[in-house]
Amino acid sequence: MNIKEFQEKMREIYFEKDYKRGINETFKLLVKEVNELSEGILKKDIENIKSEVADVLAWLASLCNLLNIDLEEAALFKYNDKCPKCGFKPCLCEE
């Protein structure tokens, strides 16, 4: 499954609820999931991390559905085969 297919699956399952909840509340839920991911990382709990990564992706897809943004298209536009900051692959940024 590619990102576009995953986003469409989230639309089919959740769009009605997401639409009623709205963009701001959906964004808050995405942030909540990112926080839960950070907790799993700090605890080094790989099963929790896997679960939270999936939740973050699902909420990001839901948010993009509400904003009418194609997540796959946006990701490939910015990160298509090289670092968007330095222009190299692999990245040569000083971070």
PDB file of N, CA and C in Angstrom:
ATOM      1  N   MET A   1       0.853  -1.175   0.000  1.00  0.00           N
ATOM      2  CA  MET A   1       0.000   0.000   0.000  1.00  0.00           C
ATOM      3  C   MET A   1       0.898   1.237   0.000  1.00  0.00           C
ATOM      4  N   ASN A   2       0.555   2.204  -0.829  1.00  0.00           N
ATOM      5  CA  ASN A   2       1.301   3.461  -0.812  1.00  0.00           C
ATOM      6  C   ASN A   2       0.596   4.480   0.089  1.00  0.00           C
ATOM      7  N   ILE A   3       1.218   5.632   0.258  1.00  0.00           N
ATOM      8  CA  ILE A   3       0.676   6.662   1.160  1.00  0.00           C
ATOM      9  C   ILE A   3      -0.699   7.124   0.689  1.00  0.00           C
ATOM     10  N   LYS A   4      -0.852   7.297  -0.603  1.00  0.00           N
ATOM     11  CA  LYS A   4      -2.135   7.763  -1.147  1.00  0.00           C
ATOM     12  C   LYS A   4      -3.255   6.770  -0.818  1.00  0.00           C
ATOM     13  N   GLU A   5      -2.958   5.482  -0.953  1.00  0.00           N
ATOM     14  CA  GLU A   5      -3.955   4.460  -0.631  1.00  0.00           C
ATOM     15  C   GLU A   5      -4.287   4.460   0.862  1.00  0.00           C
ATOM     16  N   PHE A   6      -3.265   4.645   1.689  1.00  0.00           N
ATOM     17  CA  PHE A   6      -3.505   4.707   3.129  1.00  0.00           C
ATOM     18  C   PHE A   6      -4.377   5.912   3.476  1.00  0.00           C
ATOM     19  N   GLN A   7      -4.070   7.060   2.888  1.00  0.00           N
ATOM     20  CA  GLN A   7      -4.854   8.257   3.155  1.00  0.00           C
ATOM     21  C   GLN A   7      -6.305   8.050   2.718  1.00  0.00           C
ATOM     22  N   GLU A   8      -6.505   7.412   1.587  1.00  0.00           N
ATOM     23  CA  GLU A   8      -7.873   7.157   1.120  1.00  0.00           C
ATOM     24  C   GLU A   8      -8.595   6.204   2.068  1.00  0.00           C
ATOM     25  N   LYS A   9      -7.888   5.206   2.590  1.00  0.00           N
ATOM     26  CA  LYS A   9      -8.483   4.285   3.553  1.00  0.00           C
ATOM     27  C   LYS A   9      -8.921   5.045   4.805  1.00  0.00           C
ATOM     28  N   MET A  10      -8.112   5.987   5.284  1.00  0.00           N
ATOM     29  CA  MET A  10      -8.473   6.794   6.449  1.00  0.00           C
ATOM     30  C   MET A  10      -9.684   7.666   6.130  1.00  0.00           C
ATOM     31  N   ARG A  11      -9.750   8.158   4.892  1.00  0.00           N
ATOM     32  CA  ARG A  11     -10.911   8.961   4.472  1.00  0.00           C
ATOM     33  C   ARG A  11     -12.181   8.108   4.517  1.00  0.00           C
ATOM     34  N   GLU A  12     -12.111   6.905   3.968  1.00  0.00           N
ATOM     35  CA  GLU A  12     -13.275   6.022   3.933  1.00  0.00           C
ATOM     36  C   GLU A  12     -13.764   5.669   5.342  1.00  0.00           C
ATOM     37  N   ILE A  13     -12.830   5.448   6.243  1.00  0.00           N
ATOM     38  CA  ILE A  13     -13.189   5.013   7.591  1.00  0.00           C
ATOM     39  C   ILE A  13     -13.609   6.179   8.486  1.00  0.00           C
ATOM     40  N   TYR A  14     -12.877   7.307   8.414  1.00  0.00           N
ATOM     41  CA  TYR A  14     -13.006   8.341   9.449  1.00  0.00           C
ATOM     42  C   TYR A  14     -13.461   9.726   8.991  1.00  0.00           C
ATOM     43  N   PHE A  15     -13.587   9.977   7.681  1.00  0.00           N
ATOM     44  CA  PHE A  15     -13.803  11.358   7.247  1.00  0.00           C
ATOM     45  C   PHE A  15     -15.035  12.003   7.869  1.00  0.00           C
ATOM     46  N   GLU A  16     -16.109  11.260   7.971  1.00  0.00           N
ATOM     47  CA  GLU A  16     -17.330  11.851   8.535  1.00  0.00           C
ATOM     48  C   GLU A  16     -17.095  12.352   9.961  1.00  0.00           C
ATOM     49  N   LYS A  17     -16.463  11.507  10.778  1.00  0.00           N
ATOM     50  CA  LYS A  17     -16.149  11.902  12.159  1.00  0.00           C
ATOM     51  C   LYS A  17     -15.145  13.049  12.182  1.00  0.00           C
ATOM     52  N   ASP A  18     -14.125  12.954  11.336  1.00  0.00           N
ATOM     53  CA  ASP A  18     -13.105  14.009  11.293  1.00  0.00           C
ATOM     54  C   ASP A  18     -13.723  15.349  10.902  1.00  0.00           C
ATOM     55  N   TYR A  19     -14.606  15.317   9.924  1.00  0.00           N
ATOM     56  CA  TYR A  19     -15.254  16.544   9.459  1.00  0.00           C
ATOM     57  C   TYR A  19     -16.062  17.194  10.582  1.00  0.00           C
ATOM     58  N   LYS A  20     -16.796  16.375  11.316  1.00  0.00           N
ATOM     59  CA  LYS A  20     -17.588  16.905  12.439  1.00  0.00           C
ATOM     60  C   LYS A  20     -16.686  17.470  13.531  1.00  0.00           C
ATOM     61  N   ARG A  21     -15.554  16.811  13.767  1.00  0.00           N
ATOM     62  CA  ARG A  21     -14.617  17.246  14.804  1.00  0.00           C
ATOM     63  C   ARG A  21     -13.936  18.551  14.391  1.00  0.00           C
ATOM     64  N   GLY A  22     -13.602  18.660  13.139  1.00  0.00           N
ATOM     65  CA  GLY A  22     -12.969  19.865  12.618  1.00  0.00           C
ATOM     66  C   GLY A  22     -11.447  19.791  12.608  1.00  0.00           C
ATOM     67  N   ILE A  23     -10.864  20.748  11.923  1.00  0.00           N
ATOM     68  CA  ILE A  23      -9.411  20.785  11.732  1.00  0.00           C
ATOM     69  C   ILE A  23      -8.674  20.978  13.052  1.00  0.00           C
ATOM     70  N   ASN A  24      -9.087  21.939  13.853  1.00  0.00           N
ATOM     71  CA  ASN A  24      -8.348  22.234  15.087  1.00  0.00           C
ATOM     72  C   ASN A  24      -8.336  21.063  16.050  1.00  0.00           C
ATOM     73  N   GLU A  25      -9.482  20.419  16.244  1.00  0.00           N
ATOM     74  CA  GLU A  25      -9.547  19.283  17.177  1.00  0.00           C
ATOM     75  C   GLU A  25      -8.798  18.073  16.626  1.00  0.00           C
ATOM     76  N   THR A  26      -8.851  17.892  15.321  1.00  0.00           N
ATOM     77  CA  THR A  26      -8.097  16.799  14.702  1.00  0.00           C
ATOM     78  C   THR A  26      -6.599  17.045  14.858  1.00  0.00           C
ATOM     79  N   PHE A  27      -6.179  18.270  14.694  1.00  0.00           N
ATOM     80  CA  PHE A  27      -4.770  18.607  14.888  1.00  0.00           C
ATOM     81  C   PHE A  27      -4.340  18.338  16.335  1.00  0.00           C
ATOM     82  N   LYS A  28      -5.193  18.684  17.286  1.00  0.00           N
ATOM     83  CA  LYS A  28      -4.880  18.423  18.694  1.00  0.00           C
ATOM     84  C   LYS A  28      -4.691  16.928  18.949  1.00  0.00           C
ATOM     85  N   LEU A  29      -5.491  16.114  18.293  1.00  0.00           N
ATOM     86  CA  LEU A  29      -5.358  14.667  18.459  1.00  0.00           C
ATOM     87  C   LEU A  29      -4.066  14.156  17.824  1.00  0.00           C
ATOM     88  N   LEU A  30      -3.659  14.754  16.711  1.00  0.00           N
ATOM     89  CA  LEU A  30      -2.365  14.408  16.109  1.00  0.00           C
ATOM     90  C   LEU A  30      -1.230  14.729  17.073  1.00  0.00           C
ATOM     91  N   VAL A  31      -1.271  15.901  17.679  1.00  0.00           N
ATOM     92  CA  VAL A  31      -0.241  16.308  18.641  1.00  0.00           C
ATOM     93  C   VAL A  31      -0.227  15.363  19.838  1.00  0.00           C
ATOM     94  N   LYS A  32      -1.398  14.965  20.295  1.00  0.00           N
ATOM     95  CA  LYS A  32      -1.495  14.007  21.411  1.00  0.00           C
ATOM     96  C   LYS A  32      -0.790  12.705  21.052  1.00  0.00           C
ATOM     97  N   GLU A  33      -0.994  12.226  19.843  1.00  0.00           N
ATOM     98  CA  GLU A  33      -0.347  10.987  19.406  1.00  0.00           C
ATOM     99  C   GLU A  33       1.166  11.149  19.288  1.00  0.00           C
ATOM    100  N   VAL A  34       1.625  12.304  18.840  1.00  0.00           N
ATOM    101  CA  VAL A  34       3.070  12.551  18.778  1.00  0.00           C
ATOM    102  C   VAL A  34       3.658  12.524  20.191  1.00  0.00           C
ATOM    103  N   ASN A  35       2.939  13.095  21.150  1.00  0.00           N
ATOM    104  CA  ASN A  35       3.392  13.049  22.543  1.00  0.00           C
ATOM    105  C   ASN A  35       3.444  11.611  23.056  1.00  0.00           C
ATOM    106  N   GLU A  36       2.452  10.814  22.706  1.00  0.00           N
ATOM    107  CA  GLU A  36       2.453   9.410  23.114  1.00  0.00           C
ATOM    108  C   GLU A  36       3.612   8.658  22.458  1.00  0.00           C
ATOM    109  N   LEU A  37       3.930   9.004  21.225  1.00  0.00           N
ATOM    110  CA  LEU A  37       5.092   8.417  20.550  1.00  0.00           C
ATOM    111  C   LEU A  37       6.373   8.767  21.296  1.00  0.00           C
ATOM    112  N   SER A  38       6.491  10.010  21.726  1.00  0.00           N
ATOM    113  CA  SER A  38       7.696  10.428  22.447  1.00  0.00           C
ATOM    114  C   SER A  38       7.839   9.658  23.757  1.00  0.00           C
ATOM    115  N   GLU A  39       6.715   9.397  24.421  1.00  0.00           N
ATOM    116  CA  GLU A  39       6.765   8.615  25.665  1.00  0.00           C
ATOM    117  C   GLU A  39       7.256   7.196  25.394  1.00  0.00           C
ATOM    118  N   GLY A  40       6.768   6.588  24.317  1.00  0.00           N
ATOM    119  CA  GLY A  40       7.215   5.250  23.950  1.00  0.00           C
ATOM    120  C   GLY A  40       8.690   5.210  23.626  1.00  0.00           C
ATOM    121  N   ILE A  41       9.174   6.251  22.954  1.00  0.00           N
ATOM    122  CA  ILE A  41      10.600   6.329  22.609  1.00  0.00           C
ATOM    123  C   ILE A  41      11.436   6.448  23.876  1.00  0.00           C
ATOM    124  N   LEU A  42      11.001   7.302  24.789  1.00  0.00           N
ATOM    125  CA  LEU A  42      11.746   7.467  26.044  1.00  0.00           C
ATOM    126  C   LEU A  42      11.788   6.174  26.850  1.00  0.00           C
ATOM    127  N   LYS A  43      10.710   5.402  26.801  1.00  0.00           N
ATOM    128  CA  LYS A  43      10.649   4.129  27.529  1.00  0.00           C
ATOM    129  C   LYS A  43      11.319   2.985  26.755  1.00  0.00           C
ATOM    130  N   LYS A  44      11.672   3.259  25.498  1.00  0.00           N
ATOM    131  CA  LYS A  44      12.270   2.252  24.610  1.00  0.00           C
ATOM    132  C   LYS A  44      11.376   1.030  24.456  1.00  0.00           C
ATOM    133  N   ASP A  45      10.077   1.293  24.387  1.00  0.00           N
ATOM    134  CA  ASP A  45       9.068   0.245  24.257  1.00  0.00           C
ATOM    135  C   ASP A  45       8.714   0.091  22.782  1.00  0.00           C
ATOM    136  N   ILE A  46       9.366  -0.832  22.090  1.00  0.00           N
ATOM    137  CA  ILE A  46       9.231  -0.938  20.645  1.00  0.00           C
ATOM    138  C   ILE A  46       7.807  -1.250  20.191  1.00  0.00           C
ATOM    139  N   GLU A  47       7.090  -2.067  20.936  1.00  0.00           N
ATOM    140  CA  GLU A  47       5.707  -2.370  20.542  1.00  0.00           C
ATOM    141  C   GLU A  47       4.828  -1.128  20.657  1.00  0.00           C
ATOM    142  N   ASN A  48       5.022  -0.346  21.701  1.00  0.00           N
ATOM    143  CA  ASN A  48       4.288   0.909  21.856  1.00  0.00           C
ATOM    144  C   ASN A  48       4.680   1.897  20.764  1.00  0.00           C
ATOM    145  N   ILE A  49       5.965   1.948  20.456  1.00  0.00           N
ATOM    146  CA  ILE A  49       6.443   2.854  19.403  1.00  0.00           C
ATOM    147  C   ILE A  49       5.779   2.509  18.074  1.00  0.00           C
ATOM    148  N   LYS A  50       5.725   1.236  17.726  1.00  0.00           N
ATOM    149  CA  LYS A  50       5.077   0.820  16.476  1.00  0.00           C
ATOM    150  C   LYS A  50       3.616   1.258  16.440  1.00  0.00           C
ATOM    151  N   SER A  51       2.932   1.070  17.547  1.00  0.00           N
ATOM    152  CA  SER A  51       1.527   1.449  17.629  1.00  0.00           C
ATOM    153  C   SER A  51       1.352   2.956  17.476  1.00  0.00           C
ATOM    154  N   GLU A  52       2.192   3.713  18.158  1.00  0.00           N
ATOM    155  CA  GLU A  52       2.067   5.177  18.109  1.00  0.00           C
ATOM    156  C   GLU A  52       2.481   5.744  16.752  1.00  0.00           C
ATOM    157  N   VAL A  53       3.460   5.149  16.098  1.00  0.00           N
ATOM    158  CA  VAL A  53       3.839   5.581  14.748  1.00  0.00           C
ATOM    159  C   VAL A  53       2.642   5.429  13.808  1.00  0.00           C
ATOM    160  N   ALA A  54       1.954   4.295  13.927  1.00  0.00           N
ATOM    161  CA  ALA A  54       0.765   4.072  13.104  1.00  0.00           C
ATOM    162  C   ALA A  54      -0.311   5.109  13.411  1.00  0.00           C
ATOM    163  N   ASP A  55      -0.499   5.420  14.707  1.00  0.00           N
ATOM    164  CA  ASP A  55      -1.496   6.425  15.089  1.00  0.00           C
ATOM    165  C   ASP A  55      -1.135   7.802  14.538  1.00  0.00           C
ATOM    166  N   VAL A  56       0.135   8.165  14.627  1.00  0.00           N
ATOM    167  CA  VAL A  56       0.575   9.472  14.103  1.00  0.00           C
ATOM    168  C   VAL A  56       0.297   9.556  12.607  1.00  0.00           C
ATOM    169  N   LEU A  57       0.641   8.499  11.874  1.00  0.00           N
ATOM    170  CA  LEU A  57       0.391   8.494  10.430  1.00  0.00           C
ATOM    171  C   LEU A  57      -1.101   8.597  10.133  1.00  0.00           C
ATOM    172  N   ALA A  58      -1.913   7.873  10.883  1.00  0.00           N
ATOM    173  CA  ALA A  58      -3.365   7.902  10.658  1.00  0.00           C
ATOM    174  C   ALA A  58      -3.943   9.299  10.914  1.00  0.00           C
ATOM    175  N   TRP A  59      -3.538   9.924  12.016  1.00  0.00           N
ATOM    176  CA  TRP A  59      -4.052  11.265  12.315  1.00  0.00           C
ATOM    177  C   TRP A  59      -3.527  12.298  11.335  1.00  0.00           C
ATOM    178  N   LEU A  60      -2.288  12.141  10.867  1.00  0.00           N
ATOM    179  CA  LEU A  60      -1.763  13.058   9.854  1.00  0.00           C
ATOM    180  C   LEU A  60      -2.554  12.911   8.562  1.00  0.00           C
ATOM    181  N   ALA A  61      -2.857  11.682   8.176  1.00  0.00           N
ATOM    182  CA  ALA A  61      -3.670  11.454   6.977  1.00  0.00           C
ATOM    183  C   ALA A  61      -5.056  12.064   7.144  1.00  0.00           C
ATOM    184  N   SER A  62      -5.653  11.902   8.325  1.00  0.00           N
ATOM    185  CA  SER A  62      -6.971  12.490   8.575  1.00  0.00           C
ATOM    186  C   SER A  62      -6.931  14.010   8.479  1.00  0.00           C
ATOM    187  N   LEU A  63      -5.895  14.601   9.052  1.00  0.00           N
ATOM    188  CA  LEU A  63      -5.758  16.061   8.981  1.00  0.00           C
ATOM    189  C   LEU A  63      -5.600  16.508   7.531  1.00  0.00           C
ATOM    190  N   CYS A  64      -4.786  15.798   6.777  1.00  0.00           N
ATOM    191  CA  CYS A  64      -4.615  16.139   5.361  1.00  0.00           C
ATOM    192  C   CYS A  64      -5.918  15.994   4.592  1.00  0.00           C
ATOM    193  N   ASN A  65      -6.715  14.989   4.932  1.00  0.00           N
ATOM    194  CA  ASN A  65      -8.022  14.853   4.279  1.00  0.00           C
ATOM    195  C   ASN A  65      -8.883  16.077   4.528  1.00  0.00           C
ATOM    196  N   LEU A  66      -8.893  16.565   5.758  1.00  0.00           N
ATOM    197  CA  LEU A  66      -9.694  17.750   6.075  1.00  0.00           C
ATOM    198  C   LEU A  66      -9.178  18.993   5.361  1.00  0.00           C
ATOM    199  N   LEU A  67      -7.870  19.059   5.172  1.00  0.00           N
ATOM    200  CA  LEU A  67      -7.258  20.218   4.517  1.00  0.00           C
ATOM    201  C   LEU A  67      -7.185  20.070   2.997  1.00  0.00           C
ATOM    202  N   ASN A  68      -7.691  18.932   2.503  1.00  0.00           N
ATOM    203  CA  ASN A  68      -7.652  18.630   1.064  1.00  0.00           C
ATOM    204  C   ASN A  68      -6.220  18.645   0.519  1.00  0.00           C
ATOM    205  N   ILE A  69      -5.322  18.025   1.283  1.00  0.00           N
ATOM    206  CA  ILE A  69      -3.916  17.915   0.896  1.00  0.00           C
ATOM    207  C   ILE A  69      -3.615  16.447   0.617  1.00  0.00           C
ATOM    208  N   ASP A  70      -3.011  16.179  -0.533  1.00  0.00           N
ATOM    209  CA  ASP A  70      -2.556  14.840  -0.863  1.00  0.00           C
ATOM    210  C   ASP A  70      -1.218  14.644  -0.149  1.00  0.00           C
ATOM    211  N   LEU A  71      -1.215  13.839   0.904  1.00  0.00           N
ATOM    212  CA  LEU A  71      -0.032  13.639   1.740  1.00  0.00           C
ATOM    213  C   LEU A  71       1.148  13.095   0.930  1.00  0.00           C
ATOM    214  N   GLU A  72       0.897  12.117   0.098  1.00  0.00           N
ATOM    215  CA  GLU A  72       1.972  11.535  -0.710  1.00  0.00           C
ATOM    216  C   GLU A  72       2.568  12.575  -1.655  1.00  0.00           C
ATOM    217  N   GLU A  73       1.715  13.329  -2.312  1.00  0.00           N
ATOM    218  CA  GLU A  73       2.171  14.368  -3.238  1.00  0.00           C
ATOM    219  C   GLU A  73       2.999  15.433  -2.505  1.00  0.00           C
ATOM    220  N   ALA A  74       2.522  15.851  -1.339  1.00  0.00           N
ATOM    221  CA  ALA A  74       3.234  16.873  -0.562  1.00  0.00           C
ATOM    222  C   ALA A  74       4.602  16.364  -0.115  1.00  0.00           C
ATOM    223  N   ALA A  75       4.648  15.108   0.344  1.00  0.00           N
ATOM    224  CA  ALA A  75       5.913  14.534   0.811  1.00  0.00           C
ATOM    225  C   ALA A  75       6.902  14.407  -0.340  1.00  0.00           C
ATOM    226  N   LEU A  76       6.446  13.912  -1.479  1.00  0.00           N
ATOM    227  CA  LEU A  76       7.345  13.737  -2.621  1.00  0.00           C
ATOM    228  C   LEU A  76       7.784  15.064  -3.214  1.00  0.00           C
ATOM    229  N   PHE A  77       6.940  16.074  -3.149  1.00  0.00           N
ATOM    230  CA  PHE A  77       7.311  17.393  -3.658  1.00  0.00           C
ATOM    231  C   PHE A  77       8.491  17.951  -2.863  1.00  0.00           C
ATOM    232  N   LYS A  78       8.432  17.799  -1.537  1.00  0.00           N
ATOM    233  CA  LYS A  78       9.486  18.355  -0.697  1.00  0.00           C
ATOM    234  C   LYS A  78      10.689  17.430  -0.565  1.00  0.00           C
ATOM    235  N   TYR A  79      10.461  16.137  -0.474  1.00  0.00           N
ATOM    236  CA  TYR A  79      11.535  15.176  -0.197  1.00  0.00           C
ATOM    237  C   TYR A  79      11.717  14.196  -1.353  1.00  0.00           C
ATOM    238  N   ASN A  80      11.884  14.698  -2.550  1.00  0.00           N
ATOM    239  CA  ASN A  80      12.007  13.836  -3.719  1.00  0.00           C
ATOM    240  C   ASN A  80      13.470  13.613  -4.080  1.00  0.00           C
ATOM    241  N   ASP A  81      14.060  12.604  -3.480  1.00  0.00           N
ATOM    242  CA  ASP A  81      15.378  12.096  -3.855  1.00  0.00           C
ATOM    243  C   ASP A  81      16.567  12.920  -3.368  1.00  0.00           C
ATOM    244  N   LYS A  82      16.338  13.951  -2.551  1.00  0.00           N
ATOM    245  CA  LYS A  82      17.455  14.715  -2.000  1.00  0.00           C
ATOM    246  C   LYS A  82      16.979  15.547  -0.821  1.00  0.00           C
ATOM    247  N   CYS A  83      17.909  16.014  -0.025  1.00  0.00           N
ATOM    248  CA  CYS A  83      17.580  16.876   1.114  1.00  0.00           C
ATOM    249  C   CYS A  83      17.070  18.218   0.589  1.00  0.00           C
ATOM    250  N   PRO A  84      15.914  18.682   1.075  1.00  0.00           N
ATOM    251  CA  PRO A  84      15.392  19.958   0.584  1.00  0.00           C
ATOM    252  C   PRO A  84      16.206  21.167   1.047  1.00  0.00           C
ATOM    253  N   LYS A  85      17.043  20.998   2.085  1.00  0.00           N
ATOM    254  CA  LYS A  85      17.851  22.133   2.577  1.00  0.00           C
ATOM    255  C   LYS A  85      19.167  22.260   1.816  1.00  0.00           C
ATOM    256  N   CYS A  86      19.943  21.172   1.770  1.00  0.00           N
ATOM    257  CA  CYS A  86      21.266  21.258   1.148  1.00  0.00           C
ATOM    258  C   CYS A  86      21.275  20.792  -0.307  1.00  0.00           C
ATOM    259  N   GLY A  87      20.253  20.040  -0.697  1.00  0.00           N
ATOM    260  CA  GLY A  87      20.151  19.565  -2.073  1.00  0.00           C
ATOM    261  C   GLY A  87      20.967  18.324  -2.364  1.00  0.00           C
ATOM    262  N   PHE A  88      21.490  17.666  -1.344  1.00  0.00           N
ATOM    263  CA  PHE A  88      22.329  16.484  -1.548  1.00  0.00           C
ATOM    264  C   PHE A  88      21.685  15.217  -1.028  1.00  0.00           C
ATOM    265  N   LYS A  89      22.179  14.095  -1.579  1.00  0.00           N
ATOM    266  CA  LYS A  89      21.788  12.764  -1.116  1.00  0.00           C
ATOM    267  C   LYS A  89      23.048  11.929  -1.047  1.00  0.00           C
ATOM    268  N   PRO A  90      23.464  11.518   0.125  1.00  0.00           N
ATOM    269  CA  PRO A  90      22.841  11.761   1.423  1.00  0.00           C
ATOM    270  C   PRO A  90      23.013  13.207   1.870  1.00  0.00           C
ATOM    271  N   CYS A  91      22.209  13.593   2.821  1.00  0.00           N
ATOM    272  CA  CYS A  91      22.197  14.947   3.367  1.00  0.00           C
ATOM    273  C   CYS A  91      23.564  15.312   3.936  1.00  0.00           C
ATOM    274  N   LEU A  92      23.976  16.556   3.653  1.00  0.00           N
ATOM    275  CA  LEU A  92      25.239  17.078   4.168  1.00  0.00           C
ATOM    276  C   LEU A  92      25.037  18.220   5.152  1.00  0.00           C
ATOM    277  N   CYS A  93      23.799  18.416   5.603  1.00  0.00           N
ATOM    278  CA  CYS A  93      23.517  19.482   6.563  1.00  0.00           C
ATOM    279  C   CYS A  93      24.273  19.238   7.876  1.00  0.00           C
ATOM    280  N   GLU A  94      24.563  20.299   8.576  1.00  0.00           N
ATOM    281  CA  GLU A  94      25.343  20.258   9.810  1.00  0.00           C
ATOM    282  C   GLU A  94      24.522  19.973  11.061  1.00  0.00           C
ATOM    283  N   GLU A  95      23.387  19.481  11.008  1.00  0.00           N
ATOM    284  CA  GLU A  95      22.488  19.310  12.155  1.00  0.00           C
ATOM    285  C   GLU A  95      23.000  18.440  13.189  1.00  0.00           C
TER     286      GLU A  95
END
